[in-house]
Amino acid sequence: MGLSAYLNGILGENKACAFLKKNDFEIITRNFHSKYGEIDIIAKKNEILHFIEVKFTKKDYEVWQRVDKSKYDKILKTIDYYMIKHNFNKEFQLDLICIKNDKIEFYENISF
């Protein structure tokens, strides 16, 4: 990943965190890494843990198309690892935030 893509990723995640906080989410952590992959944002709202993938672009295409079955499966393995590592056994869901320029779309509880 080049520097520009890395900086755009940080910018997108910052915008996503601001959006989540405005919508009463508590940010638990950002950029959780495991050998399986990475979770961009882990947040909590109403006692539900939200694992959030963030996709950001300035280009002209549908951002959500960048999450395919392979990416989804890696995220699920990373969630499993997080749950075991933190001995967490409550409700959770996988969400997607797509940011295109300044427009934010929030897709809750996604699946393939």
PDB file of N, CA and C in Angstrom:
ATOM      1  N   MET A   1       0.857  -1.178   0.000  1.00  0.00           N
ATOM      2  CA  MET A   1       0.000   0.000   0.000  1.00  0.00           C
ATOM      3  C   MET A   1       0.895   1.230   0.000  1.00  0.00           C
ATOM      4  N   GLY A   2       0.602   2.154  -0.895  1.00  0.00           N
ATOM      5  CA  GLY A   2       1.367   3.388  -0.967  1.00  0.00           C
ATOM      6  C   GLY A   2       0.962   4.365   0.129  1.00  0.00           C
ATOM      7  N   LEU A   3       1.774   5.383   0.281  1.00  0.00           N
ATOM      8  CA  LEU A   3       1.522   6.392   1.312  1.00  0.00           C
ATOM      9  C   LEU A   3       0.175   7.074   1.117  1.00  0.00           C
ATOM     10  N   SER A   4      -0.168   7.377  -0.115  1.00  0.00           N
ATOM     11  CA  SER A   4      -1.444   8.045  -0.398  1.00  0.00           C
ATOM     12  C   SER A   4      -2.633   7.184   0.032  1.00  0.00           C
ATOM     13  N   ALA A   5      -2.591   5.899  -0.295  1.00  0.00           N
ATOM     14  CA  ALA A   5      -3.675   4.988   0.096  1.00  0.00           C
ATOM     15  C   ALA A   5      -3.752   4.866   1.614  1.00  0.00           C
ATOM     16  N   TYR A   6      -2.585   4.791   2.271  1.00  0.00           N
ATOM     17  CA  TYR A   6      -2.539   4.703   3.730  1.00  0.00           C
ATOM     18  C   TYR A   6      -3.170   5.943   4.372  1.00  0.00           C
ATOM     19  N   LEU A   7      -2.789   7.119   3.876  1.00  0.00           N
ATOM     20  CA  LEU A   7      -3.332   8.368   4.427  1.00  0.00           C
ATOM     21  C   LEU A   7      -4.825   8.497   4.153  1.00  0.00           C
ATOM     22  N   ASN A   8      -5.268   8.065   2.975  1.00  0.00           N
ATOM     23  CA  ASN A   8      -6.706   8.067   2.681  1.00  0.00           C
ATOM     24  C   ASN A   8      -7.452   7.123   3.615  1.00  0.00           C
ATOM     25  N   GLY A   9      -6.836   5.982   3.941  1.00  0.00           N
ATOM     26  CA  GLY A   9      -7.446   5.041   4.880  1.00  0.00           C
ATOM     27  C   GLY A   9      -7.638   5.663   6.252  1.00  0.00           C
ATOM     28  N   ILE A  10      -6.621   6.361   6.722  1.00  0.00           N
ATOM     29  CA  ILE A  10      -6.719   7.042   8.020  1.00  0.00           C
ATOM     30  C   ILE A  10      -7.800   8.120   7.973  1.00  0.00           C
ATOM     31  N   LEU A  11      -7.823   8.886   6.892  1.00  0.00           N
ATOM     32  CA  LEU A  11      -8.847   9.925   6.734  1.00  0.00           C
ATOM     33  C   LEU A  11     -10.245   9.310   6.766  1.00  0.00           C
ATOM     34  N   GLY A  12     -10.436   8.222   6.044  1.00  0.00           N
ATOM     35  CA  GLY A  12     -11.731   7.543   6.025  1.00  0.00           C
ATOM     36  C   GLY A  12     -12.129   7.033   7.394  1.00  0.00           C
ATOM     37  N   GLU A  13     -11.182   6.420   8.103  1.00  0.00           N
ATOM     38  CA  GLU A  13     -11.479   5.903   9.443  1.00  0.00           C
ATOM     39  C   GLU A  13     -11.784   7.036  10.419  1.00  0.00           C
ATOM     40  N   ASN A  14     -11.095   8.160  10.294  1.00  0.00           N
ATOM     41  CA  ASN A  14     -11.396   9.317  11.151  1.00  0.00           C
ATOM     42  C   ASN A  14     -12.817   9.820  10.909  1.00  0.00           C
ATOM     43  N   LYS A  15     -13.210   9.906   9.642  1.00  0.00           N
ATOM     44  CA  LYS A  15     -14.577  10.329   9.314  1.00  0.00           C
ATOM     45  C   LYS A  15     -15.590   9.320   9.843  1.00  0.00           C
ATOM     46  N   ALA A  16     -15.273   8.038   9.715  1.00  0.00           N
ATOM     47  CA  ALA A  16     -16.179   6.995  10.206  1.00  0.00           C
ATOM     48  C   ALA A  16     -16.333   7.084  11.722  1.00  0.00           C
ATOM     49  N   CYS A  17     -15.238   7.296  12.437  1.00  0.00           N
ATOM     50  CA  CYS A  17     -15.311   7.417  13.900  1.00  0.00           C
ATOM     51  C   CYS A  17     -16.144   8.627  14.312  1.00  0.00           C
ATOM     52  N   ALA A  18     -15.969   9.736  13.633  1.00  0.00           N
ATOM     53  CA  ALA A  18     -16.769  10.931  13.943  1.00  0.00           C
ATOM     54  C   ALA A  18     -18.250  10.643  13.708  1.00  0.00           C
ATOM     55  N   PHE A  19     -18.566   9.964  12.616  1.00  0.00           N
ATOM     56  CA  PHE A  19     -19.951   9.581  12.311  1.00  0.00           C
ATOM     57  C   PHE A  19     -20.512   8.668  13.404  1.00  0.00           C
ATOM     58  N   LEU A  20     -19.736   7.677  13.810  1.00  0.00           N
ATOM     59  CA  LEU A  20     -20.196   6.734  14.837  1.00  0.00           C
ATOM     60  C   LEU A  20     -20.425   7.441  16.173  1.00  0.00           C
ATOM     61  N   LYS A  21     -19.494   8.283  16.582  1.00  0.00           N
ATOM     62  CA  LYS A  21     -19.646   9.012  17.848  1.00  0.00           C
ATOM     63  C   LYS A  21     -20.890   9.892  17.827  1.00  0.00           C
ATOM     64  N   LYS A  22     -21.144  10.527  16.678  1.00  0.00           N
ATOM     65  CA  LYS A  22     -22.338  11.362  16.537  1.00  0.00           C
ATOM     66  C   LYS A  22     -23.614  10.535  16.661  1.00  0.00           C
ATOM     67  N   ASN A  23     -23.501   9.243  16.391  1.00  0.00           N
ATOM     68  CA  ASN A  23     -24.645   8.342  16.469  1.00  0.00           C
ATOM     69  C   ASN A  23     -24.590   7.449  17.702  1.00  0.00           C
ATOM     70  N   ASP A  24     -23.930   7.946  18.750  1.00  0.00           N
ATOM     71  CA  ASP A  24     -23.921   7.334  20.082  1.00  0.00           C
ATOM     72  C   ASP A  24     -23.195   6.000  20.178  1.00  0.00           C
ATOM     73  N   PHE A  25     -22.217   5.763  19.322  1.00  0.00           N
ATOM     74  CA  PHE A  25     -21.358   4.588  19.454  1.00  0.00           C
ATOM     75  C   PHE A  25     -20.167   4.956  20.326  1.00  0.00           C
ATOM     76  N   GLU A  26     -19.699   3.994  21.101  1.00  0.00           N
ATOM     77  CA  GLU A  26     -18.465   4.145  21.868  1.00  0.00           C
ATOM     78  C   GLU A  26     -17.370   3.414  21.090  1.00  0.00           C
ATOM     79  N   ILE A  27     -16.315   4.110  20.735  1.00  0.00           N
ATOM     80  CA  ILE A  27     -15.210   3.486  20.007  1.00  0.00           C
ATOM     81  C   ILE A  27     -14.366   2.699  21.013  1.00  0.00           C
ATOM     82  N   ILE A  28     -14.235   1.397  20.785  1.00  0.00           N
ATOM     83  CA  ILE A  28     -13.446   0.532  21.668  1.00  0.00           C
ATOM     84  C   ILE A  28     -11.986   0.515  21.216  1.00  0.00           C
ATOM     85  N   THR A  29     -11.771   0.256  19.938  1.00  0.00           N
ATOM     86  CA  THR A  29     -10.412   0.246  19.391  1.00  0.00           C
ATOM     87  C   THR A  29     -10.462   0.439  17.882  1.00  0.00           C
ATOM     88  N   ARG A  30      -9.310   0.809  17.355  1.00  0.00           N
ATOM     89  CA  ARG A  30      -9.165   0.955  15.900  1.00  0.00           C
ATOM     90  C   ARG A  30      -8.016   0.079  15.439  1.00  0.00           C
ATOM     91  N   ASN A  31      -8.137  -0.428  14.233  1.00  0.00           N
ATOM     92  CA  ASN A  31      -7.084  -1.203  13.589  1.00  0.00           C
ATOM     93  C   ASN A  31      -6.617  -2.397  14.417  1.00  0.00           C
ATOM     94  N   PHE A  32      -7.576  -3.224  14.827  1.00  0.00           N
ATOM     95  CA  PHE A  32      -7.240  -4.456  15.541  1.00  0.00           C
ATOM     96  C   PHE A  32      -6.665  -5.454  14.536  1.00  0.00           C
ATOM     97  N   HIS A  33      -5.445  -5.927  14.807  1.00  0.00           N
ATOM     98  CA  HIS A  33      -4.757  -6.856  13.908  1.00  0.00           C
ATOM     99  C   HIS A  33      -4.681  -8.255  14.507  1.00  0.00           C
ATOM    100  N   SER A  34      -4.780  -9.243  13.645  1.00  0.00           N
ATOM    101  CA  SER A  34      -4.488 -10.628  14.003  1.00  0.00           C
ATOM    102  C   SER A  34      -3.812 -11.262  12.800  1.00  0.00           C
ATOM    103  N   LYS A  35      -3.405 -12.516  12.935  1.00  0.00           N
ATOM    104  CA  LYS A  35      -2.781 -13.190  11.794  1.00  0.00           C
ATOM    105  C   LYS A  35      -3.792 -13.436  10.674  1.00  0.00           C
ATOM    106  N   TYR A  36      -5.075 -13.269  10.983  1.00  0.00           N
ATOM    107  CA  TYR A  36      -6.128 -13.512   9.991  1.00  0.00           C
ATOM    108  C   TYR A  36      -6.487 -12.261   9.194  1.00  0.00           C
ATOM    109  N   GLY A  37      -6.255 -11.098   9.784  1.00  0.00           N
ATOM    110  CA  GLY A  37      -6.637  -9.864   9.113  1.00  0.00           C
ATOM    111  C   GLY A  37      -6.751  -8.713  10.090  1.00  0.00           C
ATOM    112  N   GLU A  38      -7.478  -7.696   9.682  1.00  0.00           N
ATOM    113  CA  GLU A  38      -7.620  -6.479  10.482  1.00  0.00           C
ATOM    114  C   GLU A  38      -9.078  -6.047  10.530  1.00  0.00           C
ATOM    115  N   ILE A  39      -9.472  -5.518  11.674  1.00  0.00           N
ATOM    116  CA  ILE A  39     -10.774  -4.872  11.839  1.00  0.00           C
ATOM    117  C   ILE A  39     -10.489  -3.376  11.949  1.00  0.00           C
ATOM    118  N   ASP A  40     -11.127  -2.583  11.100  1.00  0.00           N
ATOM    119  CA  ASP A  40     -10.857  -1.145  11.105  1.00  0.00           C
ATOM    120  C   ASP A  40     -11.299  -0.481  12.402  1.00  0.00           C
ATOM    121  N   ILE A  41     -12.539  -0.736  12.813  1.00  0.00           N
ATOM    122  CA  ILE A  41     -13.080  -0.107  14.027  1.00  0.00           C
ATOM    123  C   ILE A  41     -13.899  -1.138  14.794  1.00  0.00           C
ATOM    124  N   ILE A  42     -13.698  -1.175  16.100  1.00  0.00           N
ATOM    125  CA  ILE A  42     -14.562  -1.959  16.982  1.00  0.00           C
ATOM    126  C   ILE A  42     -15.242  -0.946  17.893  1.00  0.00           C
ATOM    127  N   ALA A  43     -16.561  -0.976  17.893  1.00  0.00           N
ATOM    128  CA  ALA A  43     -17.342   0.000  18.660  1.00  0.00           C
ATOM    129  C   ALA A  43     -18.471  -0.715  19.389  1.00  0.00           C
ATOM    130  N   LYS A  44     -19.076  -0.009  20.323  1.00  0.00           N
ATOM    131  CA  LYS A  44     -20.177  -0.593  21.094  1.00  0.00           C
ATOM    132  C   LYS A  44     -21.334   0.390  21.147  1.00  0.00           C
ATOM    133  N   LYS A  45     -22.540  -0.168  21.031  1.00  0.00           N
ATOM    134  CA  LYS A  45     -23.758   0.625  21.192  1.00  0.00           C
ATOM    135  C   LYS A  45     -24.843  -0.309  21.708  1.00  0.00           C
ATOM    136  N   ASN A  46     -25.533   0.123  22.748  1.00  0.00           N
ATOM    137  CA  ASN A  46     -26.617  -0.676  23.342  1.00  0.00           C
ATOM    138  C   ASN A  46     -26.162  -2.097  23.671  1.00  0.00           C
ATOM    139  N   GLU A  47     -24.965  -2.208  24.242  1.00  0.00           N
ATOM    140  CA  GLU A  47     -24.397  -3.493  24.664  1.00  0.00           C
ATOM    141  C   GLU A  47     -24.114  -4.462  23.516  1.00  0.00           C
ATOM    142  N   ILE A  48     -24.160  -3.985  22.280  1.00  0.00           N
ATOM    143  CA  ILE A  48     -23.815  -4.814  21.122  1.00  0.00           C
ATOM    144  C   ILE A  48     -22.463  -4.349  20.599  1.00  0.00           C
ATOM    145  N   LEU A  49     -21.568  -5.307  20.389  1.00  0.00           N
ATOM    146  CA  LEU A  49     -20.263  -5.005  19.838  1.00  0.00           C
ATOM    147  C   LEU A  49     -20.369  -4.961  18.312  1.00  0.00           C
ATOM    148  N   HIS A  50     -19.857  -3.893  17.715  1.00  0.00           N
ATOM    149  CA  HIS A  50     -19.915  -3.701  16.261  1.00  0.00           C
ATOM    150  C   HIS A  50     -18.496  -3.762  15.698  1.00  0.00           C
ATOM    151  N   PHE A  51     -18.272  -4.696  14.795  1.00  0.00           N
ATOM    152  CA  PHE A  51     -17.010  -4.795  14.075  1.00  0.00           C
ATOM    153  C   PHE A  51     -17.239  -4.105  12.739  1.00  0.00           C
ATOM    154  N   ILE A  52     -16.502  -3.038  12.482  1.00  0.00           N
ATOM    155  CA  ILE A  52     -16.836  -2.162  11.362  1.00  0.00           C
ATOM    156  C   ILE A  52     -15.691  -2.095  10.357  1.00  0.00           C
ATOM    157  N   GLU A  53     -16.008  -2.459   9.134  1.00  0.00           N
ATOM    158  CA  GLU A  53     -15.089  -2.313   8.005  1.00  0.00           C
ATOM    159  C   GLU A  53     -15.369  -0.952   7.369  1.00  0.00           C
ATOM    160  N   VAL A  54     -14.305  -0.216   7.085  1.00  0.00           N
ATOM    161  CA  VAL A  54     -14.446   1.113   6.487  1.00  0.00           C
ATOM    162  C   VAL A  54     -13.825   1.096   5.093  1.00  0.00           C
ATOM    163  N   LYS A  55     -14.575   1.566   4.124  1.00  0.00           N
ATOM    164  CA  LYS A  55     -14.078   1.707   2.754  1.00  0.00           C
ATOM    165  C   LYS A  55     -14.269   3.159   2.336  1.00  0.00           C
ATOM    166  N   PHE A  56     -13.190   3.748   1.820  1.00  0.00           N
ATOM    167  CA  PHE A  56     -13.171   5.168   1.478  1.00  0.00           C
ATOM    168  C   PHE A  56     -12.622   5.341   0.069  1.00  0.00           C
ATOM    169  N   THR A  57     -13.236   6.198  -0.708  1.00  0.00           N
ATOM    170  CA  THR A  57     -12.709   6.492  -2.043  1.00  0.00           C
ATOM    171  C   THR A  57     -13.079   7.905  -2.468  1.00  0.00           C
ATOM    172  N   LYS A  58     -12.307   8.400  -3.385  1.00  0.00           N
ATOM    173  CA  LYS A  58     -12.627   9.664  -4.048  1.00  0.00           C
ATOM    174  C   LYS A  58     -12.949   9.391  -5.514  1.00  0.00           C
ATOM    175  N   LYS A  59     -12.896   8.111  -5.892  1.00  0.00           N
ATOM    176  CA  LYS A  59     -13.105   7.723  -7.289  1.00  0.00           C
ATOM    177  C   LYS A  59     -14.573   7.448  -7.566  1.00  0.00           C
ATOM    178  N   ASP A  60     -14.881   7.222  -8.824  1.00  0.00           N
ATOM    179  CA  ASP A  60     -16.268   7.062  -9.251  1.00  0.00           C
ATOM    180  C   ASP A  60     -16.648   5.587  -9.416  1.00  0.00           C
ATOM    181  N   TYR A  61     -16.884   4.910  -8.317  1.00  0.00           N
ATOM    182  CA  TYR A  61     -17.406   3.544  -8.333  1.00  0.00           C
ATOM    183  C   TYR A  61     -18.105   3.284  -7.008  1.00  0.00           C
ATOM    184  N   GLU A  62     -18.827   2.202  -6.946  1.00  0.00           N
ATOM    185  CA  GLU A  62     -19.550   1.859  -5.720  1.00  0.00           C
ATOM    186  C   GLU A  62     -18.573   1.278  -4.700  1.00  0.00           C
ATOM    187  N   VAL A  63     -18.404   1.947  -3.596  1.00  0.00           N
ATOM    188  CA  VAL A  63     -17.405   1.579  -2.598  1.00  0.00           C
ATOM    189  C   VAL A  63     -17.675   0.203  -2.004  1.00  0.00           C
ATOM    190  N   TRP A  64     -18.936  -0.134  -1.770  1.00  0.00           N
ATOM    191  CA  TRP A  64     -19.274  -1.404  -1.118  1.00  0.00           C
ATOM    192  C   TRP A  64     -18.804  -2.601  -1.934  1.00  0.00           C
ATOM    193  N   GLN A  65     -18.551  -2.426  -3.217  1.00  0.00           N
ATOM    194  CA  GLN A  65     -18.098  -3.537  -4.052  1.00  0.00           C
ATOM    195  C   GLN A  65     -16.684  -3.984  -3.705  1.00  0.00           C
ATOM    196  N   ARG A  66     -15.988  -3.231  -2.897  1.00  0.00           N
ATOM    197  CA  ARG A  66     -14.632  -3.600  -2.481  1.00  0.00           C
ATOM    198  C   ARG A  66     -14.623  -4.604  -1.343  1.00  0.00           C
ATOM    199  N   VAL A  67     -15.781  -4.990  -0.840  1.00  0.00           N
ATOM    200  CA  VAL A  67     -15.863  -6.048   0.170  1.00  0.00           C
ATOM    201  C   VAL A  67     -16.478  -7.264  -0.507  1.00  0.00           C
ATOM    202  N   ASP A  68     -15.622  -8.256  -0.777  1.00  0.00           N
ATOM    203  CA  ASP A  68     -16.100  -9.477  -1.421  1.00  0.00           C
ATOM    204  C   ASP A  68     -16.142 -10.621  -0.409  1.00  0.00           C
ATOM    205  N   LYS A  69     -16.502 -11.796  -0.857  1.00  0.00           N
ATOM    206  CA  LYS A  69     -16.645 -12.960   0.029  1.00  0.00           C
ATOM    207  C   LYS A  69     -15.323 -13.277   0.726  1.00  0.00           C
ATOM    208  N   SER A  70     -14.223 -13.187   0.018  1.00  0.00           N
ATOM    209  CA  SER A  70     -12.913 -13.473   0.601  1.00  0.00           C
ATOM    210  C   SER A  70     -12.588 -12.497   1.734  1.00  0.00           C
ATOM    211  N   LYS A  71     -12.800 -11.213   1.505  1.00  0.00           N
ATOM    212  CA  LYS A  71     -12.565 -10.190   2.530  1.00  0.00           C
ATOM    213  C   LYS A  71     -13.492 -10.415   3.722  1.00  0.00           C
ATOM    214  N   TYR A  72     -14.745 -10.729   3.435  1.00  0.00           N
ATOM    215  CA  TYR A  72     -15.744 -10.996   4.469  1.00  0.00           C
ATOM    216  C   TYR A  72     -15.291 -12.164   5.356  1.00  0.00           C
ATOM    217  N   ASP A  73     -14.821 -13.250   4.735  1.00  0.00           N
ATOM    218  CA  ASP A  73     -14.376 -14.423   5.496  1.00  0.00           C
ATOM    219  C   ASP A  73     -13.173 -14.098   6.379  1.00  0.00           C
ATOM    220  N   LYS A  74     -12.237 -13.293   5.883  1.00  0.00           N
ATOM    221  CA  LYS A  74     -11.082 -12.879   6.688  1.00  0.00           C
ATOM    222  C   LYS A  74     -11.525 -12.055   7.893  1.00  0.00           C
ATOM    223  N   ILE A  75     -12.482 -11.180   7.673  1.00  0.00           N
ATOM    224  CA  ILE A  75     -12.992 -10.360   8.774  1.00  0.00           C
ATOM    225  C   ILE A  75     -13.645 -11.251   9.828  1.00  0.00           C
ATOM    226  N   LEU A  76     -14.429 -12.244   9.395  1.00  0.00           N
ATOM    227  CA  LEU A  76     -15.077 -13.150  10.354  1.00  0.00           C
ATOM    228  C   LEU A  76     -14.057 -13.926  11.179  1.00  0.00           C
ATOM    229  N   LYS A  77     -12.971 -14.383  10.558  1.00  0.00           N
ATOM    230  CA  LYS A  77     -11.915 -15.084  11.304  1.00  0.00           C
ATOM    231  C   LYS A  77     -11.272 -14.147  12.319  1.00  0.00           C
ATOM    232  N   THR A  78     -11.082 -12.903  11.931  1.00  0.00           N
ATOM    233  CA  THR A  78     -10.495 -11.920  12.843  1.00  0.00           C
ATOM    234  C   THR A  78     -11.446 -11.624  14.003  1.00  0.00           C
ATOM    235  N   ILE A  79     -12.735 -11.572  13.722  1.00  0.00           N
ATOM    236  CA  ILE A  79     -13.733 -11.387  14.783  1.00  0.00           C
ATOM    237  C   ILE A  79     -13.685 -12.562  15.752  1.00  0.00           C
ATOM    238  N   ASP A  80     -13.641 -13.786  15.231  1.00  0.00           N
ATOM    239  CA  ASP A  80     -13.547 -14.973  16.094  1.00  0.00           C
ATOM    240  C   ASP A  80     -12.326 -14.881  17.001  1.00  0.00           C
ATOM    241  N   TYR A  81     -11.202 -14.486  16.433  1.00  0.00           N
ATOM    242  CA  TYR A  81      -9.975 -14.350  17.210  1.00  0.00           C
ATOM    243  C   TYR A  81     -10.151 -13.303  18.314  1.00  0.00           C
ATOM    244  N   TYR A  82     -10.726 -12.162  17.978  1.00  0.00           N
ATOM    245  CA  TYR A  82     -10.960 -11.100  18.959  1.00  0.00           C
ATOM    246  C   TYR A  82     -11.844 -11.603  20.097  1.00  0.00           C
ATOM    247  N   MET A  83     -12.910 -12.298  19.733  1.00  0.00           N
ATOM    248  CA  MET A  83     -13.859 -12.789  20.742  1.00  0.00           C
ATOM    249  C   MET A  83     -13.176 -13.763  21.708  1.00  0.00           C
ATOM    250  N   ILE A  84     -12.344 -14.650  21.170  1.00  0.00           N
ATOM    251  CA  ILE A  84     -11.634 -15.609  22.020  1.00  0.00           C
ATOM    252  C   ILE A  84     -10.596 -14.888  22.881  1.00  0.00           C
ATOM    253  N   LYS A  85      -9.812 -14.026  22.266  1.00  0.00           N
ATOM    254  CA  LYS A  85      -8.751 -13.307  22.983  1.00  0.00           C
ATOM    255  C   LYS A  85      -9.304 -12.471  24.130  1.00  0.00           C
ATOM    256  N   HIS A  86     -10.479 -11.876  23.946  1.00  0.00           N
ATOM    257  CA  HIS A  86     -11.063 -11.002  24.965  1.00  0.00           C
ATOM    258  C   HIS A  86     -12.171 -11.679  25.772  1.00  0.00           C
ATOM    259  N   ASN A  87     -12.308 -12.987  25.588  1.00  0.00           N
ATOM    260  CA  ASN A  87     -13.308 -13.764  26.328  1.00  0.00           C
ATOM    261  C   ASN A  87     -14.677 -13.082  26.271  1.00  0.00           C
ATOM    262  N   PHE A  88     -15.064 -12.712  25.070  1.00  0.00           N
ATOM    263  CA  PHE A  88     -16.308 -11.979  24.853  1.00  0.00           C
ATOM    264  C   PHE A  88     -17.342 -12.920  24.259  1.00  0.00           C
ATOM    265  N   ASN A  89     -18.497 -13.010  24.884  1.00  0.00           N
ATOM    266  CA  ASN A  89     -19.529 -13.924  24.371  1.00  0.00           C
ATOM    267  C   ASN A  89     -20.909 -13.266  24.347  1.00  0.00           C
ATOM    268  N   LYS A  90     -20.927 -11.982  24.046  1.00  0.00           N
ATOM    269  CA  LYS A  90     -22.201 -11.266  23.946  1.00  0.00           C
ATOM    270  C   LYS A  90     -22.545 -11.049  22.483  1.00  0.00           C
ATOM    271  N   GLU A  91     -23.631 -10.314  22.249  1.00  0.00           N
ATOM    272  CA  GLU A  91     -24.069 -10.054  20.880  1.00  0.00           C
ATOM    273  C   GLU A  91     -23.063  -9.182  20.132  1.00  0.00           C
ATOM    274  N   PHE A  92     -22.915  -9.493  18.832  1.00  0.00           N
ATOM    275  CA  PHE A  92     -22.061  -8.673  17.982  1.00  0.00           C
ATOM    276  C   PHE A  92     -22.615  -8.688  16.562  1.00  0.00           C
ATOM    277  N   GLN A  93     -22.111  -7.753  15.772  1.00  0.00           N
ATOM    278  CA  GLN A  93     -22.482  -7.746  14.363  1.00  0.00           C
ATOM    279  C   GLN A  93     -21.363  -7.118  13.549  1.00  0.00           C
ATOM    280  N   LEU A  94     -21.377  -7.413  12.260  1.00  0.00           N
ATOM    281  CA  LEU A  94     -20.407  -6.863  11.323  1.00  0.00           C
ATOM    282  C   LEU A  94     -21.094  -5.794  10.491  1.00  0.00           C
ATOM    283  N   ASP A  95     -20.522  -4.598  10.494  1.00  0.00           N
ATOM    284  CA  ASP A  95     -21.089  -3.463   9.776  1.00  0.00           C
ATOM    285  C   ASP A  95     -20.086  -2.951   8.742  1.00  0.00           C
ATOM    286  N   LEU A  96     -20.585  -2.174   7.807  1.00  0.00           N
ATOM    287  CA  LEU A  96     -19.753  -1.591   6.759  1.00  0.00           C
ATOM    288  C   LEU A  96     -20.074  -0.106   6.640  1.00  0.00           C
ATOM    289  N   ILE A  97     -19.029   0.705   6.671  1.00  0.00           N
ATOM    290  CA  ILE A  97     -19.189   2.134   6.405  1.00  0.00           C
ATOM    291  C   ILE A  97     -18.466   2.440   5.101  1.00  0.00           C
ATOM    292  N   CYS A  98     -19.214   2.981   4.151  1.00  0.00           N
ATOM    293  CA  CYS A  98     -18.665   3.379   2.855  1.00  0.00           C
ATOM    294  C   CYS A  98     -18.656   4.896   2.774  1.00  0.00           C
ATOM    295  N   ILE A  99     -17.500   5.436   2.451  1.00  0.00           N
ATOM    296  CA  ILE A  99     -17.367   6.885   2.337  1.00  0.00           C
ATOM    297  C   ILE A  99     -16.872   7.202   0.930  1.00  0.00           C
ATOM    298  N   LYS A 100     -17.676   7.954   0.215  1.00  0.00           N
ATOM    299  CA  LYS A 100     -17.304   8.400  -1.128  1.00  0.00           C
ATOM    300  C   LYS A 100     -17.328   9.917  -1.097  1.00  0.00           C
ATOM    301  N   ASN A 101     -16.135  10.506  -1.190  1.00  0.00           N
ATOM    302  CA  ASN A 101     -15.967  11.941  -0.978  1.00  0.00           C
ATOM    303  C   ASN A 101     -16.460  12.266   0.430  1.00  0.00           C
ATOM    304  N   ASP A 102     -17.538  13.006   0.606  1.00  0.00           N
ATOM    305  CA  ASP A 102     -18.030  13.310   1.956  1.00  0.00           C
ATOM    306  C   ASP A 102     -19.344  12.617   2.274  1.00  0.00           C
ATOM    307  N   LYS A 103     -19.811  11.741   1.400  1.00  0.00           N
ATOM    308  CA  LYS A 103     -21.062  11.022   1.635  1.00  0.00           C
ATOM    309  C   LYS A 103     -20.766   9.717   2.382  1.00  0.00           C
ATOM    310  N   ILE A 104     -21.455   9.522   3.513  1.00  0.00           N
ATOM    311  CA  ILE A 104     -21.260   8.329   4.339  1.00  0.00           C
ATOM    312  C   ILE A 104     -22.505   7.459   4.265  1.00  0.00           C
ATOM    313  N   GLU A 105     -22.283   6.183   3.956  1.00  0.00           N
ATOM    314  CA  GLU A 105     -23.365   5.196   3.973  1.00  0.00           C
ATOM    315  C   GLU A 105     -23.005   4.138   4.999  1.00  0.00           C
ATOM    316  N   PHE A 106     -23.963   3.809   5.866  1.00  0.00           N
ATOM    317  CA  PHE A 106     -23.743   2.864   6.959  1.00  0.00           C
ATOM    318  C   PHE A 106     -24.629   1.648   6.738  1.00  0.00           C
ATOM    319  N   TYR A 107     -23.989   0.500   6.520  1.00  0.00           N
ATOM    320  CA  TYR A 107     -24.702  -0.763   6.313  1.00  0.00           C
ATOM    321  C   TYR A 107     -24.504  -1.618   7.562  1.00  0.00           C
ATOM    322  N   GLU A 108     -25.596  -1.887   8.254  1.00  0.00           N
ATOM    323  CA  GLU A 108     -25.502  -2.647   9.498  1.00  0.00           C
ATOM    324  C   GLU A 108     -25.762  -4.127   9.271  1.00  0.00           C
ATOM    325  N   ASN A 109     -25.020  -4.936  10.043  1.00  0.00           N
ATOM    326  CA  ASN A 109     -25.219  -6.382  10.102  1.00  0.00           C
ATOM    327  C   ASN A 109     -25.151  -7.026   8.713  1.00  0.00           C
ATOM    328  N   ILE A 110     -24.035  -6.796   8.024  1.00  0.00           N
ATOM    329  CA  ILE A 110     -23.885  -7.322   6.670  1.00  0.00           C
ATOM    330  C   ILE A 110     -23.561  -8.812   6.686  1.00  0.00           C
ATOM    331  N   SER A 111     -23.848  -9.475   5.592  1.00  0.00           N
ATOM    332  CA  SER A 111     -23.489 -10.890   5.435  1.00  0.00           C
ATOM    333  C   SER A 111     -23.393 -11.211   3.950  1.00  0.00           C
ATOM    334  N   PHE A 112     -22.811 -12.366   3.657  1.00  0.00           N
ATOM    335  CA  PHE A 112     -22.726 -12.857   2.286  1.00  0.00           C
ATOM    336  C   PHE A 112     -23.487 -14.145   2.180  1.00  0.00           C
TER     337      PHE A 112
END
